[in-house]
Amino acid sequence: MKLDEAQSAKFWPMYDEFQEKRRGLAQERLQIIKDYGASFATMTDDQASGIVKRIFKNDKSYAKLQQSYFKKFSKSISPIKAAQFLQLEEYFRTMIRAEIQDAIPFIGEIERKKG
């Protein structure tokens, strides 16, 4: 993303705020993954429902954060630059999530391998 000096002065403080809030959501997501890892081999219906509900809540919170900061960035630097930022943010987030998803087994996968 190319920002001129005036845009940079407005963007980076808001970006730092965004990252701080995003970091909290990422930590929540990591805890969900850890909880999944601790129970995936013996997961009950209730545990599966609880994990999925937590994922939906986390995703919803992240979407709200993006919407909020899209508005802020749009007003301060421009809607195009705000969209570029969110596009880059979503690209990196997708790449990270793909790596994590590739590293964790599917529910019941261990059972299928044993049988």
Protein backbone atom coordinates (compact mmCIF):
# COMPACT_ATOMS: atom_id res chain seq x y z
CA MET A 1 0.00 0.00 0.00
CA LYS A 2 1.45 3.33 -0.98
CA LEU A 3 0.61 6.22 1.30
CA ASP A 4 1.80 9.77 1.04
CA GLU A 5 3.13 11.54 4.13
CA ALA A 6 -0.24 13.01 5.15
CA GLN A 7 -2.01 9.67 4.68
CA SER A 8 0.72 7.86 6.63
CA ALA A 9 0.36 10.26 9.54
CA LYS A 10 -3.35 9.41 9.74
CA PHE A 11 -3.14 5.73 8.84
CA TRP A 12 -0.46 4.31 11.13
CA PRO A 13 -1.94 5.36 14.49
CA MET A 14 -5.29 3.88 13.44
CA TYR A 15 -3.55 0.78 12.13
CA ASP A 16 -1.89 0.31 15.53
CA GLU A 17 -5.31 0.54 17.20
CA PHE A 18 -6.74 -1.95 14.72
CA GLN A 19 -3.87 -4.37 15.30
CA GLU A 20 -4.29 -4.20 19.06
CA LYS A 21 -7.97 -5.10 18.77
CA ARG A 22 -7.27 -7.72 16.11
CA ARG A 23 -4.60 -9.24 18.35
CA GLY A 24 -7.21 -9.87 21.05
CA LEU A 25 -9.44 -11.66 18.56
CA ALA A 26 -6.47 -13.67 17.27
CA GLN A 27 -5.68 -14.76 20.82
CA GLU A 28 -9.29 -15.88 21.26
CA ARG A 29 -9.05 -17.82 18.00
CA LEU A 30 -5.82 -19.44 19.13
CA GLN A 31 -7.50 -20.55 22.36
CA ILE A 32 -10.34 -22.09 20.35
CA ILE A 33 -7.77 -24.01 18.29
CA LYS A 34 -6.00 -25.16 21.44
CA ASP A 35 -9.30 -26.31 22.95
CA TYR A 36 -10.08 -28.13 19.71
CA GLY A 37 -6.66 -29.78 19.76
CA ALA A 38 -7.20 -30.97 23.31
CA SER A 39 -10.51 -32.63 22.46
CA PHE A 40 -10.71 -33.48 18.75
CA ALA A 41 -9.97 -37.20 19.18
CA THR A 42 -12.73 -37.67 21.76
CA MET A 43 -15.00 -34.76 20.89
CA THR A 44 -18.59 -34.91 22.06
CA ASP A 45 -21.55 -33.29 20.35
CA ASP A 46 -21.65 -30.59 23.03
CA GLN A 47 -17.94 -29.82 22.61
CA ALA A 48 -18.31 -29.62 18.82
CA SER A 49 -21.28 -27.26 19.14
CA GLY A 50 -19.43 -25.11 21.65
CA ILE A 51 -16.34 -24.80 19.47
CA VAL A 52 -18.36 -23.95 16.37
CA LYS A 53 -20.37 -21.31 18.27
CA ARG A 54 -17.12 -19.76 19.53
CA ILE A 55 -15.74 -19.70 15.97
CA PHE A 56 -18.90 -17.98 14.68
CA LYS A 57 -18.71 -15.42 17.48
CA ASN A 58 -15.03 -14.77 16.79
CA ASP A 59 -15.66 -14.40 13.04
CA LYS A 60 -18.55 -12.03 13.68
CA SER A 61 -16.42 -9.90 16.02
CA TYR A 62 -13.65 -9.76 13.43
CA ALA A 63 -16.10 -8.70 10.71
CA LYS A 64 -17.42 -5.93 12.97
CA LEU A 65 -13.85 -4.78 13.63
CA GLN A 66 -13.13 -4.66 9.91
CA GLN A 67 -16.33 -2.72 9.21
CA SER A 68 -15.55 -0.23 11.95
CA TYR A 69 -12.03 0.41 10.76
CA PHE A 70 -13.04 0.50 7.11
CA LYS A 71 -15.23 3.48 8.01
CA LYS A 72 -12.43 5.13 9.99
CA PHE A 73 -9.82 4.57 7.28
CA SER A 74 -12.25 5.69 4.56
CA LYS A 75 -12.84 9.01 6.31
CA SER A 76 -9.20 9.69 7.05
CA ILE A 77 -7.31 8.40 4.01
CA SER A 78 -9.92 7.36 1.37
CA PRO A 79 -12.29 4.49 0.67
CA ILE A 80 -9.92 3.10 -1.98
CA LYS A 81 -6.96 3.00 0.43
CA ALA A 82 -9.22 1.56 3.13
CA ALA A 83 -10.34 -1.17 0.75
CA GLN A 84 -6.72 -1.87 -0.21
CA PHE A 85 -5.84 -2.23 3.46
CA LEU A 86 -8.70 -4.64 4.11
CA GLN A 87 -7.84 -6.60 0.97
CA LEU A 88 -4.26 -7.05 2.16
CA GLU A 89 -5.38 -7.82 5.71
CA GLU A 90 -7.80 -10.47 4.46
CA TYR A 91 -5.16 -11.98 2.17
CA PHE A 92 -2.71 -12.45 5.04
CA ARG A 93 -5.44 -13.69 7.36
CA THR A 94 -6.55 -16.26 4.77
CA MET A 95 -2.99 -17.47 4.24
CA ILE A 96 -2.43 -17.90 7.97
CA ARG A 97 -5.74 -19.65 8.47
CA ALA A 98 -5.01 -22.00 5.55
CA GLU A 99 -1.68 -22.98 7.14
CA ILE A 100 -3.36 -23.61 10.49
CA GLN A 101 -6.19 -25.58 8.91
CA ASP A 102 -3.68 -27.71 7.03
CA ALA A 103 -1.87 -28.50 10.28
CA ILE A 104 -4.84 -29.63 12.38
CA PRO A 105 -6.75 -32.87 11.85
CA PHE A 106 -10.42 -33.06 11.04
CA ILE A 107 -12.80 -34.27 13.74
CA GLY A 108 -12.69 -38.06 13.78
CA GLU A 109 -9.67 -38.25 11.46
CA ILE A 110 -7.57 -40.02 14.06
CA GLU A 111 -10.33 -42.61 14.56
CA ARG A 112 -10.46 -43.35 10.81
CA LYS A 113 -6.70 -43.87 10.70
CA LYS A 114 -6.82 -46.29 13.64
CA GLY A 115 -9.63 -48.39 12.17
